[in-house]
Amino acid sequence: MITRRQFLTGLGSSVALGGAFGGYAFAVEPRFRLVVTEYELATHRWQSARPLRIVALSDIHACEPWMPESRIRAIVEQANALGGDIIVLLGDFTAGLGPFKLAPVAAHVWGRALADLSAPFGVHAIPGNHDWWTNLNEVTDTLSAAGINVYQNRAERFSAPSPFWLAGTDSIVAHRLPGHGHFNGADDLPGTLARITDDAPAILMAHEPDLFVDVPDRFAVTLSGHTHGGQVRLPFLGRPVVPSAYGQRFAYGHIHETGRDLIVSAGLGCSIMPVRLGVPPEITVVTLKQGEPA
């Protein structure tokens, strides 16, 4: 079976020769497009009459020239303007461009850009697999220095306007093992759940959506990134490759299964190859509202 690396490398070689088509996929969509995708989720697991507006940024992959400091600052400015009650960052701050040896943006540079994020209930982050594969301590130290709360298998309780919990797990593919496609995770979902000590509504941040198969219905919503929405979506063919053990199941968007809700962001940057086609960089906004049991 073709992997995402093989597909994107092959696609990159093809579109590089494809004139206007290749120019759009390489130069326009990854670097200059930015959309805001909004979801309204009415669920009985959100008990407050006041909705909660969550602004989510994922998969920044800071690098030159596709995600320089100026681009990150523009994203931050737009995110702040969306009126979120809380901002969450869903991992993969560092570049993961595989065969393209481009210049990574230094951590202190992308950190000072993200430090301008602001929301009434603060800014909160989890690490992603690429953060583990590069320099996790540098990533977490940079986020903390920027005033951003970092979650690695923990939860925090908020008391206003009504109580709720925000929880975050670590990457499920944090540690690369010898052999192709073998990993150990740093995630601890049971330990994270154990930190939630009352029945107030809870929200889960999980970088890879594959964790959702084990997520109980305790959470009002699970928020993930990692897949980049496949990074390429072709007419009539859809998303040829999704970096998930479950194929298209958790590729992108709002997934509702067995009474549970998952929202997967298309993210902002690129991985393996600096190509996006039909999946523009995205800021994801989720408004949790009080709903009735199904």
C-alpha atoms as a PDB file:
ATOM      1  CA  MET A   1       0.000   0.000   0.000  1.00  0.00           C
ATOM      2  CA  ILE A   2       1.306   3.434  -0.900  1.00  0.00           C
ATOM      3  CA  THR A   3       2.313   5.589   2.053  1.00  0.00           C
ATOM      4  CA  ARG A   4       1.719   9.307   2.438  1.00  0.00           C
ATOM      5  CA  ARG A   5       5.455   9.921   1.979  1.00  0.00           C
ATOM      6  CA  GLN A   6       5.541   7.951  -1.281  1.00  0.00           C
ATOM      7  CA  PHE A   7       2.388   9.587  -2.616  1.00  0.00           C
ATOM      8  CA  LEU A   8       3.338  13.149  -1.753  1.00  0.00           C
ATOM      9  CA  THR A   9       6.885  12.702  -3.021  1.00  0.00           C
ATOM     10  CA  GLY A  10       5.540  11.365  -6.309  1.00  0.00           C
ATOM     11  CA  LEU A  11       2.921  14.060  -6.529  1.00  0.00           C
ATOM     12  CA  GLY A  12       5.501  16.718  -5.782  1.00  0.00           C
ATOM     13  CA  SER A  13       7.696  15.502  -8.603  1.00  0.00           C
ATOM     14  CA  SER A  14       4.712  15.517 -10.947  1.00  0.00           C
ATOM     15  CA  VAL A  15       3.252  18.885 -10.093  1.00  0.00           C
ATOM     16  CA  ALA A  16       6.675  20.504 -10.119  1.00  0.00           C
ATOM     17  CA  LEU A  17       6.556  19.868 -13.868  1.00  0.00           C
ATOM     18  CA  GLY A  18       2.913  20.772 -14.212  1.00  0.00           C
ATOM     19  CA  GLY A  19       3.081  24.483 -14.964  1.00  0.00           C
ATOM     20  CA  ALA A  20       0.200  26.447 -13.510  1.00  0.00           C
ATOM     21  CA  PHE A  21      -1.230  23.397 -11.744  1.00  0.00           C
ATOM     22  CA  GLY A  22       2.063  22.686 -10.042  1.00  0.00           C
ATOM     23  CA  GLY A  23       2.583  26.347  -9.216  1.00  0.00           C
ATOM     24  CA  TYR A  24      -0.769  26.521  -7.474  1.00  0.00           C
ATOM     25  CA  ALA A  25      -0.178  23.347  -5.449  1.00  0.00           C
ATOM     26  CA  PHE A  26       3.327  24.406  -4.425  1.00  0.00           C
ATOM     27  CA  ALA A  27       3.203  28.183  -4.223  1.00  0.00           C
ATOM     28  CA  VAL A  28      -0.385  29.375  -3.773  1.00  0.00           C
ATOM     29  CA  GLU A  29      -2.502  27.038  -1.677  1.00  0.00           C
ATOM     30  CA  PRO A  30       0.122  26.175   0.982  1.00  0.00           C
ATOM     31  CA  ARG A  31       1.507  29.701   1.321  1.00  0.00           C
ATOM     32  CA  PHE A  32      -1.267  32.183   0.629  1.00  0.00           C
ATOM     33  CA  ARG A  33      -4.663  30.576   1.151  1.00  0.00           C
ATOM     34  CA  LEU A  34      -6.293  30.546   4.580  1.00  0.00           C
ATOM     35  CA  VAL A  35      -9.891  29.610   5.341  1.00  0.00           C
ATOM     36  CA  VAL A  36     -11.961  29.588   8.506  1.00  0.00           C
ATOM     37  CA  THR A  37     -14.096  26.479   8.951  1.00  0.00           C
ATOM     38  CA  GLU A  38     -16.824  26.682  11.592  1.00  0.00           C
ATOM     39  CA  TYR A  39     -18.764  23.914  13.308  1.00  0.00           C
ATOM     40  CA  GLU A  40     -21.730  24.250  15.651  1.00  0.00           C
ATOM     41  CA  LEU A  41     -22.039  21.220  17.870  1.00  0.00           C
ATOM     42  CA  ALA A  42     -25.152  20.895  20.017  1.00  0.00           C
ATOM     43  CA  THR A  43     -24.634  18.147  22.579  1.00  0.00           C
ATOM     44  CA  HIS A  44     -26.166  17.157  25.879  1.00  0.00           C
ATOM     45  CA  ARG A  45     -22.606  16.826  27.179  1.00  0.00           C
ATOM     46  CA  TRP A  46     -22.324  20.613  27.155  1.00  0.00           C
ATOM     47  CA  GLN A  47     -24.573  21.571  30.062  1.00  0.00           C
ATOM     48  CA  SER A  48     -24.171  25.346  30.123  1.00  0.00           C
ATOM     49  CA  ALA A  49     -26.769  27.602  28.521  1.00  0.00           C
ATOM     50  CA  ARG A  50     -23.840  29.761  27.364  1.00  0.00           C
ATOM     51  CA  PRO A  51     -22.067  28.348  24.284  1.00  0.00           C
ATOM     52  CA  LEU A  52     -18.293  27.935  24.280  1.00  0.00           C
ATOM     53  CA  ARG A  53     -16.451  29.157  21.176  1.00  0.00           C
ATOM     54  CA  ILE A  54     -13.170  27.311  20.582  1.00  0.00           C
ATOM     55  CA  VAL A  55     -10.582  28.493  18.042  1.00  0.00           C
ATOM     56  CA  ALA A  56      -8.219  25.681  17.019  1.00  0.00           C
ATOM     57  CA  LEU A  57      -4.879  25.924  15.193  1.00  0.00           C
ATOM     58  CA  SER A  58      -3.047  22.778  14.196  1.00  0.00           C
ATOM     59  CA  ASP A  59       0.047  21.592  12.323  1.00  0.00           C
ATOM     60  CA  ILE A  60       1.833  24.913  11.879  1.00  0.00           C
ATOM     61  CA  HIS A  61       5.092  23.217  10.735  1.00  0.00           C
ATOM     62  CA  ALA A  62       7.050  26.466  10.873  1.00  0.00           C
ATOM     63  CA  CYS A  63       9.513  26.731   7.962  1.00  0.00           C
ATOM     64  CA  GLU A  64      10.688  28.970   5.145  1.00  0.00           C
ATOM     65  CA  PRO A  65       9.149  29.857   2.741  1.00  0.00           C
ATOM     66  CA  TRP A  66       5.726  28.269   3.364  1.00  0.00           C
ATOM     67  CA  MET A  67       5.263  29.104   7.044  1.00  0.00           C
ATOM     68  CA  PRO A  68       7.566  32.003   7.961  1.00  0.00           C
ATOM     69  CA  GLU A  69       7.117  34.270  10.954  1.00  0.00           C
ATOM     70  CA  SER A  70       5.078  36.768   8.900  1.00  0.00           C
ATOM     71  CA  ARG A  71       2.600  34.056   7.904  1.00  0.00           C
ATOM     72  CA  ILE A  72       2.278  32.840  11.495  1.00  0.00           C
ATOM     73  CA  ARG A  73       1.658  36.420  12.656  1.00  0.00           C
ATOM     74  CA  ALA A  74      -1.093  36.843  10.066  1.00  0.00           C
ATOM     75  CA  ILE A  75      -2.719  33.605  11.246  1.00  0.00           C
ATOM     76  CA  VAL A  76      -2.474  34.762  14.869  1.00  0.00           C
ATOM     77  CA  GLU A  77      -4.097  38.086  14.003  1.00  0.00           C
ATOM     78  CA  GLN A  78      -6.993  36.347  12.250  1.00  0.00           C
ATOM     79  CA  ALA A  79      -7.392  33.799  15.054  1.00  0.00           C
ATOM     80  CA  ASN A  80      -7.613  36.570  17.648  1.00  0.00           C
ATOM     81  CA  ALA A  81     -10.254  38.346  15.557  1.00  0.00           C
ATOM     82  CA  LEU A  82     -12.573  35.319  15.574  1.00  0.00           C
ATOM     83  CA  GLY A  83     -13.838  36.023  19.078  1.00  0.00           C
ATOM     84  CA  GLY A  84     -12.968  32.687  20.636  1.00  0.00           C
ATOM     85  CA  ASP A  85     -13.509  32.067  24.327  1.00  0.00           C
ATOM     86  CA  ILE A  86     -10.475  29.790  24.277  1.00  0.00           C
ATOM     87  CA  ILE A  87      -7.705  29.007  21.792  1.00  0.00           C
ATOM     88  CA  VAL A  88      -6.228  25.521  21.437  1.00  0.00           C
ATOM     89  CA  LEU A  89      -3.090  24.516  19.532  1.00  0.00           C
ATOM     90  CA  LEU A  90      -3.205  20.886  18.436  1.00  0.00           C
ATOM     91  CA  GLY A  91       0.472  20.073  17.920  1.00  0.00           C
ATOM     92  CA  ASP A  92       3.201  19.886  15.252  1.00  0.00           C
ATOM     93  CA  PHE A  93       4.830  23.275  15.583  1.00  0.00           C
ATOM     94  CA  THR A  94       8.082  22.166  13.938  1.00  0.00           C
ATOM     95  CA  ALA A  95       8.711  21.552  10.244  1.00  0.00           C
ATOM     96  CA  GLY A  96       8.319  18.080   8.795  1.00  0.00           C
ATOM     97  CA  LEU A  97       9.167  18.444   5.133  1.00  0.00           C
ATOM     98  CA  GLY A  98      11.018  15.210   4.416  1.00  0.00           C
ATOM     99  CA  PRO A  99      13.037  15.385   1.187  1.00  0.00           C
ATOM    100  CA  PHE A 100      12.661  19.169   0.922  1.00  0.00           C
ATOM    101  CA  LYS A 101      15.578  20.501   2.958  1.00  0.00           C
ATOM    102  CA  LEU A 102      14.112  23.915   3.660  1.00  0.00           C
ATOM    103  CA  ALA A 103      15.026  26.274   6.461  1.00  0.00           C
ATOM    104  CA  PRO A 104      13.109  25.654   9.659  1.00  0.00           C
ATOM    105  CA  VAL A 105      11.906  28.705  11.542  1.00  0.00           C
ATOM    106  CA  ALA A 106      13.681  28.826  14.899  1.00  0.00           C
ATOM    107  CA  ALA A 107      11.556  28.020  17.921  1.00  0.00           C
ATOM    108  CA  HIS A 108      12.046  31.435  19.532  1.00  0.00           C
ATOM    109  CA  VAL A 109      10.784  33.039  16.298  1.00  0.00           C
ATOM    110  CA  TRP A 110       7.535  31.082  15.956  1.00  0.00           C
ATOM    111  CA  GLY A 111       7.160  31.274  19.735  1.00  0.00           C
ATOM    112  CA  ARG A 112       7.183  35.059  19.812  1.00  0.00           C
ATOM    113  CA  ALA A 113       4.538  35.084  17.064  1.00  0.00           C
ATOM    114  CA  LEU A 114       2.274  32.678  18.966  1.00  0.00           C
ATOM    115  CA  ALA A 115       2.757  34.696  22.156  1.00  0.00           C
ATOM    116  CA  ASP A 116       0.353  37.275  20.699  1.00  0.00           C
ATOM    117  CA  LEU A 117      -2.560  34.809  20.755  1.00  0.00           C
ATOM    118  CA  SER A 118      -5.200  35.902  23.246  1.00  0.00           C
ATOM    119  CA  ALA A 119      -8.549  34.617  24.489  1.00  0.00           C
ATOM    120  CA  PRO A 120     -10.545  35.050  27.725  1.00  0.00           C
ATOM    121  CA  PHE A 121      -9.867  31.458  28.865  1.00  0.00           C
ATOM    122  CA  GLY A 122      -6.303  31.466  27.613  1.00  0.00           C
ATOM    123  CA  VAL A 123      -4.250  29.591  25.032  1.00  0.00           C
ATOM    124  CA  HIS A 124      -3.550  25.880  25.462  1.00  0.00           C
ATOM    125  CA  ALA A 125      -1.430  23.403  23.495  1.00  0.00           C
ATOM    126  CA  ILE A 126      -0.471  19.776  23.064  1.00  0.00           C
ATOM    127  CA  PRO A 127       2.641  18.452  21.286  1.00  0.00           C
ATOM    128  CA  GLY A 128       2.490  16.519  18.034  1.00  0.00           C
ATOM    129  CA  ASN A 129       4.591  13.721  16.625  1.00  0.00           C
ATOM    130  CA  HIS A 130       6.918  16.068  14.715  1.00  0.00           C
ATOM    131  CA  ASP A 131       7.606  17.967  17.916  1.00  0.00           C
ATOM    132  CA  TRP A 132       8.758  14.708  19.467  1.00  0.00           C
ATOM    133  CA  TRP A 133      10.806  13.804  16.395  1.00  0.00           C
ATOM    134  CA  THR A 134      12.699  17.116  16.411  1.00  0.00           C
ATOM    135  CA  ASN A 135      13.209  18.655  19.862  1.00  0.00           C
ATOM    136  CA  LEU A 136      10.299  18.195  22.252  1.00  0.00           C
ATOM    137  CA  ASN A 137      11.878  20.043  25.174  1.00  0.00           C
ATOM    138  CA  GLU A 138      12.568  23.062  23.000  1.00  0.00           C
ATOM    139  CA  VAL A 139       8.973  23.050  21.762  1.00  0.00           C
ATOM    140  CA  THR A 140       7.390  22.793  25.203  1.00  0.00           C
ATOM    141  CA  ASP A 141       9.796  25.360  26.691  1.00  0.00           C
ATOM    142  CA  THR A 142       9.014  27.764  23.837  1.00  0.00           C
ATOM    143  CA  LEU A 143       5.265  27.387  24.323  1.00  0.00           C
ATOM    144  CA  SER A 144       5.546  27.920  28.071  1.00  0.00           C
ATOM    145  CA  ALA A 145       7.741  31.004  27.563  1.00  0.00           C
ATOM    146  CA  ALA A 146       5.033  32.370  25.245  1.00  0.00           C
ATOM    147  CA  GLY A 147       2.453  32.068  28.029  1.00  0.00           C
ATOM    148  CA  ILE A 148       0.798  29.024  26.464  1.00  0.00           C
ATOM    149  CA  ASN A 149      -0.296  26.167  28.734  1.00  0.00           C
ATOM    150  CA  VAL A 150       1.103  22.803  27.626  1.00  0.00           C
ATOM    151  CA  TYR A 151      -0.834  19.589  28.184  1.00  0.00           C
ATOM    152  CA  GLN A 152       0.822  16.186  28.151  1.00  0.00           C
ATOM    153  CA  ASN A 153      -1.701  13.721  29.542  1.00  0.00           C
ATOM    154  CA  ARG A 154      -3.310  16.142  31.958  1.00  0.00           C
ATOM    155  CA  ALA A 155      -6.488  18.139  32.470  1.00  0.00           C
ATOM    156  CA  GLU A 156      -7.348  21.577  33.797  1.00  0.00           C
ATOM    157  CA  ARG A 157     -10.648  22.771  35.268  1.00  0.00           C
ATOM    158  CA  PHE A 158     -12.214  26.121  34.406  1.00  0.00           C
ATOM    159  CA  SER A 159     -14.865  27.621  36.650  1.00  0.00           C
ATOM    160  CA  ALA A 160     -16.422  30.442  34.583  1.00  0.00           C
ATOM    161  CA  PRO A 161     -18.890  31.063  33.076  1.00  0.00           C
ATOM    162  CA  SER A 162     -19.758  27.517  34.132  1.00  0.00           C
ATOM    163  CA  PRO A 163     -17.383  24.708  35.045  1.00  0.00           C
ATOM    164  CA  PHE A 164     -15.690  22.644  32.333  1.00  0.00           C
ATOM    165  CA  TRP A 165     -12.508  20.634  31.861  1.00  0.00           C
ATOM    166  CA  LEU A 166      -9.903  20.887  29.119  1.00  0.00           C
ATOM    167  CA  ALA A 167      -7.767  17.775  28.735  1.00  0.00           C
ATOM    168  CA  GLY A 168      -4.878  16.955  26.424  1.00  0.00           C
ATOM    169  CA  THR A 169      -3.091  13.723  25.599  1.00  0.00           C
ATOM    170  CA  ASP A 170       0.377  13.302  24.128  1.00  0.00           C
ATOM    171  CA  SER A 171       1.271  11.889  20.712  1.00  0.00           C
ATOM    172  CA  ILE A 172       0.444   8.250  19.983  1.00  0.00           C
ATOM    173  CA  VAL A 173       3.432   8.006  17.588  1.00  0.00           C
ATOM    174  CA  ALA A 174       5.970   9.911  19.672  1.00  0.00           C
ATOM    175  CA  HIS A 175       8.822   7.398  19.481  1.00  0.00           C
ATOM    176  CA  ARG A 176      10.098   6.033  16.188  1.00  0.00           C
ATOM    177  CA  LEU A 177      11.220   2.409  16.423  1.00  0.00           C
ATOM    178  CA  PRO A 178      13.491   0.454  14.082  1.00  0.00           C
ATOM    179  CA  GLY A 179      11.646  -0.737  10.999  1.00  0.00           C
ATOM    180  CA  HIS A 180       9.207   1.039   8.743  1.00  0.00           C
ATOM    181  CA  GLY A 181       6.113   2.447  10.374  1.00  0.00           C
ATOM    182  CA  HIS A 182       6.749   1.259  13.935  1.00  0.00           C
ATOM    183  CA  PHE A 183       6.138   3.646  16.818  1.00  0.00           C
ATOM    184  CA  ASN A 184       5.504   3.815  20.529  1.00  0.00           C
ATOM    185  CA  GLY A 185       3.187   6.434  21.941  1.00  0.00           C
ATOM    186  CA  ALA A 186       3.601   8.874  24.810  1.00  0.00           C
ATOM    187  CA  ASP A 187      -0.164   9.079  25.293  1.00  0.00           C
ATOM    188  CA  ASP A 188      -1.927   8.095  28.491  1.00  0.00           C
ATOM    189  CA  LEU A 189      -5.667   8.416  28.021  1.00  0.00           C
ATOM    190  CA  PRO A 190      -6.624   6.576  31.244  1.00  0.00           C
ATOM    191  CA  GLY A 191      -4.219   8.741  33.249  1.00  0.00           C
ATOM    192  CA  THR A 192      -5.637  11.873  31.641  1.00  0.00           C
ATOM    193  CA  LEU A 193      -9.186  10.802  32.445  1.00  0.00           C
ATOM    194  CA  ALA A 194      -8.185  10.152  36.050  1.00  0.00           C
ATOM    195  CA  ARG A 195      -7.331  13.835  36.423  1.00  0.00           C
ATOM    196  CA  ILE A 196     -10.961  14.806  35.726  1.00  0.00           C
ATOM    197  CA  THR A 197     -12.457  14.669  39.189  1.00  0.00           C
ATOM    198  CA  ASP A 198     -16.077  15.772  38.761  1.00  0.00           C
ATOM    199  CA  ASP A 199     -18.893  15.571  36.216  1.00  0.00           C
ATOM    200  CA  ALA A 200     -18.420  19.010  34.611  1.00  0.00           C
ATOM    201  CA  PRO A 201     -18.280  18.927  30.781  1.00  0.00           C
ATOM    202  CA  ALA A 202     -14.916  17.968  29.309  1.00  0.00           C
ATOM    203  CA  ILE A 203     -13.113  18.679  26.024  1.00  0.00           C
ATOM    204  CA  LEU A 204     -10.212  16.562  24.759  1.00  0.00           C
ATOM    205  CA  MET A 205      -7.246  17.669  22.651  1.00  0.00           C
ATOM    206  CA  ALA A 206      -5.565  14.714  20.895  1.00  0.00           C
ATOM    207  CA  HIS A 207      -3.083  15.375  18.088  1.00  0.00           C
ATOM    208  CA  GLU A 208      -3.748  12.159  16.164  1.00  0.00           C
ATOM    209  CA  PRO A 209      -7.435  11.368  15.586  1.00  0.00           C
ATOM    210  CA  ASP A 210      -6.743   7.616  15.712  1.00  0.00           C
ATOM    211  CA  LEU A 211      -6.942   7.907  19.503  1.00  0.00           C
ATOM    212  CA  PHE A 212     -10.672   8.529  19.088  1.00  0.00           C
ATOM    213  CA  VAL A 213     -11.380   4.791  18.886  1.00  0.00           C
ATOM    214  CA  ASP A 214     -10.521   4.611  22.605  1.00  0.00           C
ATOM    215  CA  VAL A 215     -12.093   7.890  23.722  1.00  0.00           C
ATOM    216  CA  PRO A 216     -15.117   7.347  25.991  1.00  0.00           C
ATOM    217  CA  ASP A 217     -18.318   9.341  25.788  1.00  0.00           C
ATOM    218  CA  ARG A 218     -17.183  11.378  28.789  1.00  0.00           C
ATOM    219  CA  PHE A 219     -16.035  14.156  26.421  1.00  0.00           C
ATOM    220  CA  ALA A 220     -18.284  16.696  24.728  1.00  0.00           C
ATOM    221  CA  VAL A 221     -15.877  16.759  21.772  1.00  0.00           C
ATOM    222  CA  THR A 222     -12.417  15.543  20.783  1.00  0.00           C
ATOM    223  CA  LEU A 223     -10.295  17.987  18.762  1.00  0.00           C
ATOM    224  CA  SER A 224      -7.503  16.669  16.524  1.00  0.00           C
ATOM    225  CA  GLY A 225      -5.186  17.591  13.676  1.00  0.00           C
ATOM    226  CA  HIS A 226      -2.306  15.537  12.214  1.00  0.00           C
ATOM    227  CA  THR A 227      -3.948  14.359   8.984  1.00  0.00           C
ATOM    228  CA  HIS A 228      -3.880  17.756   7.209  1.00  0.00           C
ATOM    229  CA  GLY A 229      -7.152  16.574   5.693  1.00  0.00           C
ATOM    230  CA  GLY A 230      -5.007  14.295   3.523  1.00  0.00           C
ATOM    231  CA  GLN A 231      -3.167  17.432   2.313  1.00  0.00           C
ATOM    232  CA  VAL A 232      -4.359  16.598  -1.221  1.00  0.00           C
ATOM    233  CA  ARG A 233      -7.969  16.115  -2.322  1.00  0.00           C
ATOM    234  CA  LEU A 234      -8.386  15.320  -6.008  1.00  0.00           C
ATOM    235  CA  PRO A 235     -11.576  15.670  -8.085  1.00  0.00           C
ATOM    236  CA  PHE A 236     -13.481  12.357  -8.250  1.00  0.00           C
ATOM    237  CA  LEU A 237     -10.690  10.585  -6.328  1.00  0.00           C
ATOM    238  CA  GLY A 238     -10.924  12.293  -2.953  1.00  0.00           C
ATOM    239  CA  ARG A 239      -8.009  12.017  -0.535  1.00  0.00           C
ATOM    240  CA  PRO A 240      -5.642   9.381  -1.932  1.00  0.00           C
ATOM    241  CA  VAL A 241      -3.593   9.017   1.257  1.00  0.00           C
ATOM    242  CA  VAL A 242      -4.451   9.795   4.878  1.00  0.00           C
ATOM    243  CA  PRO A 243      -1.858   9.234   7.645  1.00  0.00           C
ATOM    244  CA  SER A 244      -4.138   7.108   9.771  1.00  0.00           C
ATOM    245  CA  ALA A 245      -4.443   3.417  10.538  1.00  0.00           C
ATOM    246  CA  TYR A 246      -8.159   3.861   9.792  1.00  0.00           C
ATOM    247  CA  GLY A 247      -7.834   5.264   6.291  1.00  0.00           C
ATOM    248  CA  GLN A 248     -10.553   7.771   5.394  1.00  0.00           C
ATOM    249  CA  ARG A 249     -12.509   7.249   8.609  1.00  0.00           C
ATOM    250  CA  PHE A 250     -10.841  10.116  10.501  1.00  0.00           C
ATOM    251  CA  ALA A 251      -9.459  12.082   7.556  1.00  0.00           C
ATOM    252  CA  TYR A 252     -11.151  15.413   8.134  1.00  0.00           C
ATOM    253  CA  GLY A 253     -14.105  17.288   9.536  1.00  0.00           C
ATOM    254  CA  HIS A 254     -16.849  16.333  11.972  1.00  0.00           C
ATOM    255  CA  ILE A 255     -17.069  12.615  12.700  1.00  0.00           C
ATOM    256  CA  HIS A 256     -19.956  11.359  14.832  1.00  0.00           C
ATOM    257  CA  GLU A 257     -19.700   7.761  16.049  1.00  0.00           C
ATOM    258  CA  THR A 258     -21.582   5.895  18.759  1.00  0.00           C
ATOM    259  CA  GLY A 259     -22.811   9.122  20.305  1.00  0.00           C
ATOM    260  CA  ARG A 260     -19.327  10.679  20.393  1.00  0.00           C
ATOM    261  CA  ASP A 261     -17.992  13.645  18.413  1.00  0.00           C
ATOM    262  CA  LEU A 262     -14.591  14.210  16.827  1.00  0.00           C
ATOM    263  CA  ILE A 263     -13.534  17.262  14.817  1.00  0.00           C
ATOM    264  CA  VAL A 264     -10.369  16.965  12.723  1.00  0.00           C
ATOM    265  CA  SER A 265      -8.782  20.172  11.481  1.00  0.00           C
ATOM    266  CA  ALA A 266      -7.066  20.385   8.081  1.00  0.00           C
ATOM    267  CA  GLY A 267      -4.296  22.288   9.836  1.00  0.00           C
ATOM    268  CA  LEU A 268      -2.091  25.063   8.535  1.00  0.00           C
ATOM    269  CA  GLY A 269       1.252  23.763   7.295  1.00  0.00           C
ATOM    270  CA  CYS A 270       2.673  20.951   5.199  1.00  0.00           C
ATOM    271  CA  SER A 271       4.393  17.677   6.003  1.00  0.00           C
ATOM    272  CA  ILE A 272       6.671  15.513   3.814  1.00  0.00           C
ATOM    273  CA  MET A 273       6.160  17.737   0.747  1.00  0.00           C
ATOM    274  CA  PRO A 274       5.192  21.422   0.575  1.00  0.00           C
ATOM    275  CA  VAL A 275       2.064  20.627  -1.424  1.00  0.00           C
ATOM    276  CA  ARG A 276      -1.590  21.330  -0.689  1.00  0.00           C
ATOM    277  CA  LEU A 277      -4.284  20.802  -3.256  1.00  0.00           C
ATOM    278  CA  GLY A 278      -7.999  21.058  -2.528  1.00  0.00           C
ATOM    279  CA  VAL A 279      -7.293  21.191   1.225  1.00  0.00           C
ATOM    280  CA  PRO A 280      -6.395  24.805   2.012  1.00  0.00           C
ATOM    281  CA  PRO A 281      -4.793  25.777   5.313  1.00  0.00           C
ATOM    282  CA  GLU A 282      -7.493  26.224   7.896  1.00  0.00           C
ATOM    283  CA  ILE A 283      -8.353  27.816  11.215  1.00  0.00           C
ATOM    284  CA  THR A 284     -11.020  25.646  12.822  1.00  0.00           C
ATOM    285  CA  VAL A 285     -13.733  27.124  15.027  1.00  0.00           C
ATOM    286  CA  VAL A 286     -16.008  24.920  17.136  1.00  0.00           C
ATOM    287  CA  THR A 287     -18.972  26.325  19.051  1.00  0.00           C
ATOM    288  CA  LEU A 288     -20.236  23.958  21.722  1.00  0.00           C
ATOM    289  CA  LYS A 289     -23.915  24.436  22.515  1.00  0.00           C
ATOM    290  CA  GLN A 290     -26.383  22.852  24.872  1.00  0.00           C
ATOM    291  CA  GLY A 291     -28.314  20.059  23.198  1.00  0.00           C
ATOM    292  CA  GLU A 292     -30.744  17.279  23.927  1.00  0.00           C
ATOM    293  CA  PRO A 293     -29.762  13.610  24.368  1.00  0.00           C
ATOM    294  CA  ALA A 294     -30.101  11.607  21.162  1.00  0.00           C
END
